[in-house]
Amino acid sequence: MSSLSVYHVSSPDIPNKVLTHFEDIAATLAEQGVRFDRWEATAKIQSGASEEDIIAAYQAQIDGVMTERGYVAVDVVSVSSDHTEQVEPQAELLEERRHNQDEARFFVAGRGVLNLHIGDYVYAVLCERNDLITVPAGTPHWFDGGERPHFVTIRLSGDPQGLVAELTGDDVARRFPRLED
């Protein structure tokens, strides 16, 4: 089940609120300019499906968001806990970063926590299958796939070269709870 935990940066161990209802999560994030939505596949996706098959299953939704938000790039990120060579890139995702473009992430499978650092608060969004979340340009954030990451996401952005991350240098991500497997 998707959830949203909102923390003040001064108290990373105690959330100010925890939301589990889709409408409450979407409304709270919308106040911060973040879209949270749900998509359903138009075709069944088999385990081990190709990037092209995954994109095809969501093509209508992808086209709609790309037109609405001016996105021009789409790719699929697939991470499985049985790939030990992926531990290093996952550690890098735990560092706070920002992008100069909006980004949308849609969770095809698995789960992860996208942490958005907005003002004095951290919005920790546990995203699971069928969740779509947008990260507005310039929003500091980090992603936690857990100790044994497993997820498949479709990423959309406005840069044909893909997203370029700028690390913030803030150690805030190290102070917040990690996703437990």
N, C-alpha and C. Protein backbone atom coordinates (compact mmCIF):
# COMPACT_ATOMS: atom_id res chain seq x y z
N MET A 1 0.83 -1.16 0.00
CA MET A 1 0.00 0.00 0.00
C MET A 1 0.89 1.24 0.00
N SER A 2 0.59 2.16 -0.85
CA SER A 2 1.32 3.43 -0.91
C SER A 2 1.07 4.21 0.37
N SER A 3 2.05 5.03 0.74
CA SER A 3 1.88 5.87 1.92
C SER A 3 2.72 7.13 1.78
N LEU A 4 2.38 8.11 2.60
CA LEU A 4 3.12 9.36 2.67
C LEU A 4 3.38 9.67 4.13
N SER A 5 4.66 9.82 4.48
CA SER A 5 5.06 10.26 5.82
C SER A 5 5.69 11.63 5.66
N VAL A 6 5.20 12.59 6.44
CA VAL A 6 5.71 13.96 6.37
C VAL A 6 6.49 14.23 7.66
N TYR A 7 7.76 14.61 7.48
CA TYR A 7 8.66 14.87 8.61
C TYR A 7 9.12 16.31 8.58
N HIS A 8 9.31 16.91 9.74
CA HIS A 8 10.05 18.16 9.82
C HIS A 8 11.53 17.77 9.79
N VAL A 9 12.36 18.55 9.13
CA VAL A 9 13.78 18.18 9.01
C VAL A 9 14.46 18.06 10.36
N SER A 10 13.94 18.72 11.39
CA SER A 10 14.56 18.65 12.71
C SER A 10 14.17 17.40 13.49
N SER A 11 13.18 16.63 12.99
CA SER A 11 12.76 15.42 13.70
C SER A 11 12.58 14.25 12.73
N PRO A 12 13.70 13.72 12.22
CA PRO A 12 13.61 12.66 11.22
C PRO A 12 13.12 11.31 11.73
N ASP A 13 12.99 11.14 13.04
CA ASP A 13 12.52 9.87 13.58
C ASP A 13 11.03 9.84 13.86
N ILE A 14 10.38 11.01 13.83
CA ILE A 14 8.97 11.09 14.17
C ILE A 14 8.22 11.87 13.09
N PRO A 15 7.40 11.17 12.29
CA PRO A 15 6.65 11.90 11.26
C PRO A 15 5.55 12.77 11.88
N ASN A 16 5.33 13.94 11.27
CA ASN A 16 4.22 14.81 11.69
C ASN A 16 2.88 14.19 11.32
N LYS A 17 2.86 13.51 10.17
CA LYS A 17 1.66 12.79 9.76
C LYS A 17 2.03 11.65 8.84
N VAL A 18 1.16 10.64 8.84
CA VAL A 18 1.31 9.48 7.96
C VAL A 18 -0.04 9.27 7.28
N LEU A 19 -0.02 9.24 5.97
CA LEU A 19 -1.25 9.09 5.19
C LEU A 19 -1.18 7.80 4.38
N THR A 20 -2.31 7.08 4.30
CA THR A 20 -2.34 5.84 3.53
C THR A 20 -3.47 5.81 2.50
N HIS A 21 -4.37 6.77 2.52
CA HIS A 21 -5.45 6.83 1.54
C HIS A 21 -4.97 7.61 0.32
N PHE A 22 -5.21 7.03 -0.84
CA PHE A 22 -4.74 7.63 -2.09
C PHE A 22 -5.13 9.10 -2.20
N GLU A 23 -6.39 9.42 -1.95
CA GLU A 23 -6.88 10.80 -2.11
C GLU A 23 -6.15 11.75 -1.17
N ASP A 24 -5.87 11.32 0.06
CA ASP A 24 -5.17 12.17 1.02
C ASP A 24 -3.71 12.40 0.60
N ILE A 25 -3.07 11.33 0.11
CA ILE A 25 -1.69 11.45 -0.37
C ILE A 25 -1.64 12.41 -1.54
N ALA A 26 -2.53 12.20 -2.52
CA ALA A 26 -2.54 13.04 -3.72
C ALA A 26 -2.81 14.50 -3.38
N ALA A 27 -3.74 14.77 -2.49
CA ALA A 27 -4.08 16.15 -2.12
C ALA A 27 -2.94 16.83 -1.38
N THR A 28 -2.30 16.12 -0.46
CA THR A 28 -1.18 16.69 0.30
C THR A 28 -0.01 17.01 -0.62
N LEU A 29 0.31 16.09 -1.53
CA LEU A 29 1.41 16.33 -2.47
C LEU A 29 1.06 17.44 -3.47
N ALA A 30 -0.20 17.51 -3.89
CA ALA A 30 -0.62 18.55 -4.84
C ALA A 30 -0.40 19.95 -4.25
N GLU A 31 -0.54 20.09 -2.95
CA GLU A 31 -0.28 21.37 -2.29
C GLU A 31 1.17 21.81 -2.47
N GLN A 32 2.06 20.83 -2.75
CA GLN A 32 3.48 21.11 -2.95
C GLN A 32 3.86 21.09 -4.43
N GLY A 33 2.87 21.01 -5.31
CA GLY A 33 3.14 21.00 -6.74
C GLY A 33 3.56 19.65 -7.28
N VAL A 34 3.31 18.58 -6.51
CA VAL A 34 3.69 17.23 -6.89
C VAL A 34 2.43 16.45 -7.27
N ARG A 35 2.47 15.84 -8.44
CA ARG A 35 1.34 15.02 -8.88
C ARG A 35 1.54 13.58 -8.41
N PHE A 36 0.48 13.00 -7.87
CA PHE A 36 0.48 11.59 -7.48
C PHE A 36 -0.78 10.98 -8.07
N ASP A 37 -0.60 9.93 -8.87
CA ASP A 37 -1.72 9.37 -9.62
C ASP A 37 -1.54 7.85 -9.71
N ARG A 38 -2.54 7.19 -10.27
CA ARG A 38 -2.46 5.74 -10.48
C ARG A 38 -2.78 5.44 -11.94
N TRP A 39 -2.04 4.49 -12.51
CA TRP A 39 -2.25 4.04 -13.88
C TRP A 39 -2.50 2.54 -13.87
N GLU A 40 -3.25 2.08 -14.83
CA GLU A 40 -3.45 0.66 -15.07
C GLU A 40 -2.90 0.32 -16.45
N ALA A 41 -2.29 -0.84 -16.58
CA ALA A 41 -1.75 -1.28 -17.87
C ALA A 41 -2.89 -1.63 -18.82
N THR A 42 -2.69 -1.37 -20.09
CA THR A 42 -3.68 -1.76 -21.09
C THR A 42 -3.42 -3.17 -21.60
N ALA A 43 -2.28 -3.74 -21.23
CA ALA A 43 -1.93 -5.11 -21.61
C ALA A 43 -1.18 -5.75 -20.45
N LYS A 44 -1.29 -7.06 -20.36
CA LYS A 44 -0.58 -7.78 -19.30
C LYS A 44 0.93 -7.75 -19.59
N ILE A 45 1.70 -7.50 -18.54
CA ILE A 45 3.16 -7.44 -18.67
C ILE A 45 3.74 -8.71 -18.06
N GLN A 46 4.52 -9.42 -18.85
CA GLN A 46 5.15 -10.65 -18.39
C GLN A 46 6.46 -10.33 -17.66
N SER A 47 6.82 -11.17 -16.72
CA SER A 47 8.11 -11.03 -16.04
C SER A 47 9.21 -11.10 -17.09
N GLY A 48 10.18 -10.21 -16.99
CA GLY A 48 11.28 -10.17 -17.94
C GLY A 48 10.94 -9.47 -19.24
N ALA A 49 9.82 -8.74 -19.27
CA ALA A 49 9.40 -8.04 -20.49
C ALA A 49 10.46 -7.02 -20.90
N SER A 50 10.53 -6.77 -22.19
CA SER A 50 11.49 -5.80 -22.71
C SER A 50 11.02 -4.39 -22.40
N GLU A 51 11.95 -3.44 -22.52
CA GLU A 51 11.63 -2.04 -22.32
C GLU A 51 10.50 -1.62 -23.27
N GLU A 52 10.57 -2.08 -24.50
CA GLU A 52 9.55 -1.73 -25.51
C GLU A 52 8.18 -2.27 -25.12
N ASP A 53 8.12 -3.51 -24.61
CA ASP A 53 6.84 -4.09 -24.19
C ASP A 53 6.25 -3.35 -22.99
N ILE A 54 7.11 -2.96 -22.06
CA ILE A 54 6.65 -2.22 -20.88
C ILE A 54 6.08 -0.87 -21.30
N ILE A 55 6.80 -0.15 -22.13
CA ILE A 55 6.32 1.15 -22.59
C ILE A 55 5.02 0.99 -23.38
N ALA A 56 4.93 -0.04 -24.23
CA ALA A 56 3.72 -0.26 -25.03
C ALA A 56 2.49 -0.49 -24.16
N ALA A 57 2.66 -1.16 -23.02
CA ALA A 57 1.54 -1.45 -22.12
C ALA A 57 0.94 -0.18 -21.51
N TYR A 58 1.72 0.88 -21.47
CA TYR A 58 1.27 2.15 -20.87
C TYR A 58 1.32 3.30 -21.88
N GLN A 59 1.38 2.98 -23.16
CA GLN A 59 1.61 4.00 -24.18
C GLN A 59 0.59 5.13 -24.14
N ALA A 60 -0.69 4.82 -23.97
CA ALA A 60 -1.72 5.88 -23.96
C ALA A 60 -1.48 6.85 -22.80
N GLN A 61 -1.19 6.32 -21.60
CA GLN A 61 -0.94 7.19 -20.44
C GLN A 61 0.35 7.99 -20.63
N ILE A 62 1.38 7.34 -21.15
CA ILE A 62 2.66 8.01 -21.39
C ILE A 62 2.46 9.16 -22.37
N ASP A 63 1.77 8.89 -23.47
CA ASP A 63 1.53 9.94 -24.47
C ASP A 63 0.77 11.11 -23.86
N GLY A 64 -0.22 10.82 -23.02
CA GLY A 64 -1.00 11.88 -22.39
C GLY A 64 -0.15 12.77 -21.50
N VAL A 65 0.69 12.16 -20.66
CA VAL A 65 1.55 12.94 -19.76
C VAL A 65 2.63 13.68 -20.55
N MET A 66 3.17 13.05 -21.58
CA MET A 66 4.20 13.71 -22.38
C MET A 66 3.63 14.96 -23.06
N THR A 67 2.42 14.86 -23.57
CA THR A 67 1.77 16.01 -24.20
C THR A 67 1.45 17.09 -23.17
N GLU A 68 0.86 16.67 -22.06
CA GLU A 68 0.45 17.60 -21.01
C GLU A 68 1.63 18.36 -20.41
N ARG A 69 2.75 17.66 -20.17
CA ARG A 69 3.87 18.26 -19.44
C ARG A 69 5.05 18.63 -20.33
N GLY A 70 4.98 18.32 -21.63
CA GLY A 70 6.06 18.67 -22.53
C GLY A 70 7.27 17.75 -22.43
N TYR A 71 7.07 16.55 -21.92
CA TYR A 71 8.17 15.60 -21.83
C TYR A 71 8.53 15.08 -23.22
N VAL A 72 9.81 14.79 -23.41
CA VAL A 72 10.28 14.28 -24.70
C VAL A 72 11.08 12.98 -24.56
N ALA A 73 11.41 12.59 -23.35
CA ALA A 73 12.23 11.40 -23.14
C ALA A 73 11.50 10.40 -22.25
N VAL A 74 11.62 9.13 -22.60
CA VAL A 74 11.04 8.05 -21.80
C VAL A 74 12.04 6.91 -21.76
N ASP A 75 12.21 6.32 -20.57
CA ASP A 75 13.06 5.15 -20.45
C ASP A 75 12.53 4.27 -19.33
N VAL A 76 13.06 3.07 -19.25
CA VAL A 76 12.66 2.11 -18.22
C VAL A 76 13.88 1.81 -17.37
N VAL A 77 13.70 1.85 -16.06
CA VAL A 77 14.75 1.47 -15.12
C VAL A 77 14.28 0.21 -14.42
N SER A 78 15.10 -0.83 -14.50
CA SER A 78 14.76 -2.10 -13.88
C SER A 78 15.89 -2.51 -12.95
N VAL A 79 15.57 -2.69 -11.68
CA VAL A 79 16.57 -3.07 -10.69
C VAL A 79 16.04 -4.27 -9.92
N SER A 80 16.87 -5.28 -9.81
CA SER A 80 16.49 -6.49 -9.11
C SER A 80 17.50 -6.76 -8.01
N SER A 81 17.03 -7.22 -6.86
CA SER A 81 17.90 -7.44 -5.71
C SER A 81 18.94 -8.53 -5.94
N ASP A 82 18.76 -9.35 -6.97
CA ASP A 82 19.75 -10.39 -7.22
C ASP A 82 20.92 -9.91 -8.08
N HIS A 83 20.94 -8.63 -8.41
CA HIS A 83 22.06 -8.06 -9.18
C HIS A 83 22.97 -7.29 -8.23
N THR A 84 23.99 -7.95 -7.69
CA THR A 84 24.86 -7.32 -6.71
C THR A 84 25.64 -6.15 -7.29
N GLU A 85 25.84 -6.12 -8.60
CA GLU A 85 26.60 -5.02 -9.19
C GLU A 85 25.82 -3.71 -9.12
N GLN A 86 24.54 -3.77 -8.76
CA GLN A 86 23.72 -2.57 -8.70
C GLN A 86 23.74 -1.91 -7.32
N VAL A 87 24.46 -2.47 -6.37
CA VAL A 87 24.49 -1.90 -5.03
C VAL A 87 25.10 -0.50 -5.06
N GLU A 88 26.17 -0.30 -5.80
CA GLU A 88 26.83 1.00 -5.87
C GLU A 88 25.91 2.09 -6.43
N PRO A 89 25.26 1.88 -7.58
CA PRO A 89 24.35 2.91 -8.08
C PRO A 89 23.21 3.20 -7.11
N GLN A 90 22.74 2.19 -6.36
CA GLN A 90 21.67 2.42 -5.40
C GLN A 90 22.15 3.32 -4.27
N ALA A 91 23.38 3.15 -3.81
CA ALA A 91 23.92 4.00 -2.76
C ALA A 91 23.96 5.45 -3.22
N GLU A 92 24.28 5.66 -4.49
CA GLU A 92 24.31 7.02 -5.03
C GLU A 92 22.94 7.67 -5.02
N LEU A 93 21.88 6.87 -5.23
CA LEU A 93 20.52 7.42 -5.23
C LEU A 93 20.10 7.93 -3.86
N LEU A 94 20.80 7.48 -2.80
CA LEU A 94 20.48 7.92 -1.45
C LEU A 94 21.05 9.29 -1.13
N GLU A 95 21.74 9.90 -2.06
CA GLU A 95 22.26 11.25 -1.87
C GLU A 95 21.25 12.25 -2.43
N GLU A 96 21.02 13.31 -1.68
CA GLU A 96 20.06 14.32 -2.12
C GLU A 96 20.55 14.98 -3.41
N ARG A 97 19.62 15.13 -4.34
CA ARG A 97 19.92 15.70 -5.66
C ARG A 97 18.76 16.53 -6.13
N ARG A 98 18.98 17.24 -7.20
CA ARG A 98 17.89 17.95 -7.89
C ARG A 98 18.18 17.87 -9.38
N HIS A 99 17.12 18.05 -10.16
CA HIS A 99 17.22 18.07 -11.62
C HIS A 99 16.74 19.41 -12.12
N ASN A 100 17.27 19.83 -13.28
CA ASN A 100 16.83 21.11 -13.84
C ASN A 100 15.56 20.94 -14.68
N GLN A 101 15.05 19.72 -14.76
CA GLN A 101 13.82 19.41 -15.50
C GLN A 101 12.85 18.68 -14.57
N ASP A 102 11.56 18.81 -14.87
CA ASP A 102 10.58 17.96 -14.18
C ASP A 102 10.88 16.51 -14.52
N GLU A 103 10.48 15.64 -13.61
CA GLU A 103 10.63 14.21 -13.83
C GLU A 103 9.35 13.53 -13.39
N ALA A 104 8.91 12.54 -14.14
CA ALA A 104 7.80 11.69 -13.72
C ALA A 104 8.33 10.27 -13.61
N ARG A 105 7.89 9.58 -12.56
CA ARG A 105 8.26 8.18 -12.37
C ARG A 105 6.98 7.38 -12.19
N PHE A 106 6.88 6.32 -12.96
CA PHE A 106 5.75 5.42 -12.83
C PHE A 106 6.27 4.05 -12.42
N PHE A 107 5.70 3.48 -11.38
CA PHE A 107 6.14 2.19 -10.86
C PHE A 107 5.35 1.07 -11.53
N VAL A 108 6.04 0.32 -12.38
CA VAL A 108 5.45 -0.82 -13.08
C VAL A 108 5.42 -2.02 -12.12
N ALA A 109 6.46 -2.18 -11.33
CA ALA A 109 6.57 -3.30 -10.39
C ALA A 109 7.47 -2.88 -9.24
N GLY A 110 7.35 -3.60 -8.12
CA GLY A 110 8.20 -3.34 -6.98
C GLY A 110 7.78 -2.11 -6.21
N ARG A 111 8.76 -1.56 -5.47
CA ARG A 111 8.46 -0.40 -4.64
C ARG A 111 9.73 0.35 -4.29
N GLY A 112 9.56 1.55 -3.79
CA GLY A 112 10.66 2.37 -3.32
C GLY A 112 10.11 3.63 -2.68
N VAL A 113 10.96 4.30 -1.91
CA VAL A 113 10.54 5.54 -1.26
C VAL A 113 11.23 6.71 -1.96
N LEU A 114 10.42 7.61 -2.49
CA LEU A 114 10.91 8.85 -3.06
C LEU A 114 10.74 9.92 -2.00
N ASN A 115 11.86 10.48 -1.55
CA ASN A 115 11.86 11.50 -0.50
C ASN A 115 12.03 12.86 -1.14
N LEU A 116 11.07 13.75 -0.88
CA LEU A 116 11.10 15.10 -1.43
C LEU A 116 11.38 16.08 -0.30
N HIS A 117 12.44 16.85 -0.42
CA HIS A 117 12.84 17.82 0.59
C HIS A 117 12.32 19.18 0.14
N ILE A 118 11.20 19.59 0.72
CA ILE A 118 10.54 20.83 0.32
C ILE A 118 10.47 21.74 1.53
N GLY A 119 11.20 22.84 1.48
CA GLY A 119 11.25 23.75 2.62
C GLY A 119 11.84 23.06 3.83
N ASP A 120 11.12 23.14 4.95
CA ASP A 120 11.58 22.51 6.20
C ASP A 120 11.04 21.11 6.39
N TYR A 121 10.47 20.52 5.34
CA TYR A 121 9.82 19.21 5.46
C TYR A 121 10.37 18.21 4.46
N VAL A 122 10.28 16.95 4.84
CA VAL A 122 10.59 15.84 3.94
C VAL A 122 9.31 15.04 3.77
N TYR A 123 8.92 14.88 2.53
CA TYR A 123 7.74 14.10 2.16
C TYR A 123 8.25 12.75 1.65
N ALA A 124 8.12 11.72 2.48
CA ALA A 124 8.60 10.38 2.13
C ALA A 124 7.43 9.60 1.54
N VAL A 125 7.48 9.39 0.22
CA VAL A 125 6.37 8.76 -0.49
C VAL A 125 6.77 7.32 -0.83
N LEU A 126 6.10 6.37 -0.19
CA LEU A 126 6.30 4.97 -0.53
C LEU A 126 5.47 4.69 -1.78
N CYS A 127 6.16 4.48 -2.88
CA CYS A 127 5.50 4.22 -4.16
C CYS A 127 5.55 2.74 -4.46
N GLU A 128 4.44 2.23 -4.98
CA GLU A 128 4.35 0.83 -5.35
C GLU A 128 3.75 0.72 -6.75
N ARG A 129 3.55 -0.52 -7.17
CA ARG A 129 3.01 -0.79 -8.50
C ARG A 129 1.79 0.09 -8.80
N ASN A 130 1.79 0.68 -9.98
CA ASN A 130 0.72 1.53 -10.52
C ASN A 130 0.77 2.97 -10.03
N ASP A 131 1.75 3.35 -9.22
CA ASP A 131 1.86 4.73 -8.74
C ASP A 131 2.67 5.57 -9.72
N LEU A 132 2.15 6.76 -10.00
CA LEU A 132 2.85 7.77 -10.80
C LEU A 132 3.11 8.96 -9.89
N ILE A 133 4.34 9.46 -9.88
CA ILE A 133 4.67 10.64 -9.10
C ILE A 133 5.54 11.55 -9.95
N THR A 134 5.31 12.85 -9.83
CA THR A 134 6.15 13.81 -10.53
C THR A 134 7.01 14.56 -9.52
N VAL A 135 8.20 14.89 -9.95
CA VAL A 135 9.12 15.69 -9.13
C VAL A 135 9.36 16.98 -9.90
N PRO A 136 8.86 18.11 -9.38
CA PRO A 136 9.08 19.37 -10.08
C PRO A 136 10.56 19.72 -10.19
N ALA A 137 10.93 20.37 -11.28
CA ALA A 137 12.31 20.81 -11.49
C ALA A 137 12.81 21.56 -10.27
N GLY A 138 14.06 21.27 -9.88
CA GLY A 138 14.70 21.97 -8.78
C GLY A 138 14.37 21.43 -7.40
N THR A 139 13.47 20.45 -7.29
CA THR A 139 13.10 19.91 -5.98
C THR A 139 14.17 18.94 -5.48
N PRO A 140 14.78 19.24 -4.33
CA PRO A 140 15.75 18.30 -3.77
C PRO A 140 15.04 17.00 -3.39
N HIS A 141 15.65 15.87 -3.73
CA HIS A 141 15.04 14.57 -3.45
C HIS A 141 16.09 13.48 -3.45
N TRP A 142 15.71 12.32 -2.94
CA TRP A 142 16.53 11.13 -3.02
C TRP A 142 15.59 9.93 -3.07
N PHE A 143 16.12 8.81 -3.55
CA PHE A 143 15.32 7.61 -3.73
C PHE A 143 15.93 6.46 -2.95
N ASP A 144 15.09 5.71 -2.26
CA ASP A 144 15.53 4.57 -1.47
C ASP A 144 14.80 3.32 -1.97
N GLY A 145 15.55 2.40 -2.55
CA GLY A 145 14.98 1.15 -3.03
C GLY A 145 15.04 0.03 -2.01
N GLY A 146 15.58 0.31 -0.82
CA GLY A 146 15.68 -0.71 0.22
C GLY A 146 16.99 -1.47 0.14
N GLU A 147 17.18 -2.36 1.09
CA GLU A 147 18.41 -3.15 1.16
C GLU A 147 18.54 -4.11 -0.01
N ARG A 148 17.41 -4.65 -0.45
CA ARG A 148 17.37 -5.55 -1.60
C ARG A 148 16.41 -4.95 -2.63
N PRO A 149 16.88 -3.96 -3.37
CA PRO A 149 15.98 -3.23 -4.26
C PRO A 149 15.37 -4.12 -5.35
N HIS A 150 14.11 -3.89 -5.58
CA HIS A 150 13.41 -4.55 -6.68
C HIS A 150 12.33 -3.59 -7.17
N PHE A 151 12.54 -3.06 -8.36
CA PHE A 151 11.52 -2.19 -8.94
C PHE A 151 11.76 -2.06 -10.44
N VAL A 152 10.68 -1.76 -11.13
CA VAL A 152 10.72 -1.40 -12.54
C VAL A 152 9.94 -0.10 -12.64
N THR A 153 10.60 0.93 -13.14
CA THR A 153 9.93 2.23 -13.30
C THR A 153 10.08 2.73 -14.72
N ILE A 154 9.07 3.48 -15.13
CA ILE A 154 9.14 4.24 -16.37
C ILE A 154 9.42 5.68 -15.95
N ARG A 155 10.46 6.28 -16.54
CA ARG A 155 10.80 7.67 -16.24
C ARG A 155 10.51 8.53 -17.47
N LEU A 156 9.94 9.68 -17.22
CA LEU A 156 9.64 10.65 -18.27
C LEU A 156 10.28 11.97 -17.89
N SER A 157 10.86 12.65 -18.89
CA SER A 157 11.46 13.96 -18.61
C SER A 157 11.42 14.83 -19.86
N GLY A 158 11.75 16.09 -19.66
CA GLY A 158 11.72 17.06 -20.75
C GLY A 158 13.04 17.21 -21.46
N ASP A 159 14.05 16.44 -21.09
CA ASP A 159 15.37 16.55 -21.71
C ASP A 159 15.65 15.32 -22.56
N PRO A 160 15.85 15.49 -23.87
CA PRO A 160 16.09 14.33 -24.73
C PRO A 160 17.36 13.55 -24.35
N GLN A 161 18.28 14.17 -23.64
CA GLN A 161 19.50 13.50 -23.19
C GLN A 161 19.30 12.75 -21.88
N GLY A 162 18.12 12.86 -21.29
CA GLY A 162 17.84 12.25 -20.00
C GLY A 162 18.11 13.23 -18.87
N LEU A 163 17.82 12.81 -17.68
CA LEU A 163 17.96 13.67 -16.52
C LEU A 163 19.41 13.78 -16.08
N VAL A 164 19.82 14.98 -15.75
CA VAL A 164 21.16 15.22 -15.21
C VAL A 164 20.98 15.66 -13.76
N ALA A 165 21.55 14.87 -12.85
CA ALA A 165 21.42 15.15 -11.43
C ALA A 165 22.52 16.09 -10.95
N GLU A 166 22.11 17.01 -10.10
CA GLU A 166 23.06 17.89 -9.41
C GLU A 166 22.93 17.57 -7.93
N LEU A 167 23.99 17.03 -7.32
CA LEU A 167 23.97 16.72 -5.90
C LEU A 167 23.92 18.02 -5.11
N THR A 168 23.12 18.04 -4.03
CA THR A 168 22.98 19.26 -3.24
C THR A 168 24.11 19.42 -2.23
N GLY A 169 24.75 18.31 -1.84
CA GLY A 169 25.79 18.36 -0.81
C GLY A 169 25.23 18.34 0.60
N ASP A 170 23.90 18.36 0.74
CA ASP A 170 23.23 18.31 2.04
C ASP A 170 23.20 16.86 2.51
N ASP A 171 23.49 16.60 3.78
CA ASP A 171 23.49 15.24 4.30
C ASP A 171 22.14 14.83 4.88
N VAL A 172 21.09 15.57 4.57
CA VAL A 172 19.77 15.32 5.13
C VAL A 172 19.31 13.88 4.91
N ALA A 173 19.62 13.29 3.79
CA ALA A 173 19.16 11.94 3.49
C ALA A 173 19.69 10.91 4.48
N ARG A 174 20.86 11.14 5.02
CA ARG A 174 21.47 10.19 5.97
C ARG A 174 20.75 10.19 7.32
N ARG A 175 20.00 11.25 7.59
CA ARG A 175 19.33 11.37 8.89
C ARG A 175 17.95 10.73 8.92
N PHE A 176 17.40 10.38 7.76
CA PHE A 176 16.04 9.88 7.71
C PHE A 176 15.98 8.36 7.62
N PRO A 177 14.85 7.78 8.08
CA PRO A 177 14.73 6.33 8.05
C PRO A 177 14.85 5.78 6.64
N ARG A 178 15.38 4.57 6.55
CA ARG A 178 15.53 3.87 5.28
C ARG A 178 14.34 2.93 5.08
N LEU A 179 14.14 2.55 3.86
CA LEU A 179 13.11 1.57 3.53
C LEU A 179 13.57 0.21 4.04
N GLU A 180 12.75 -0.42 4.84
CA GLU A 180 13.08 -1.74 5.38
C GLU A 180 12.47 -2.79 4.50
N ASP A 181 13.23 -3.82 4.22
CA ASP A 181 12.73 -4.93 3.39
C ASP A 181 12.02 -5.96 4.25
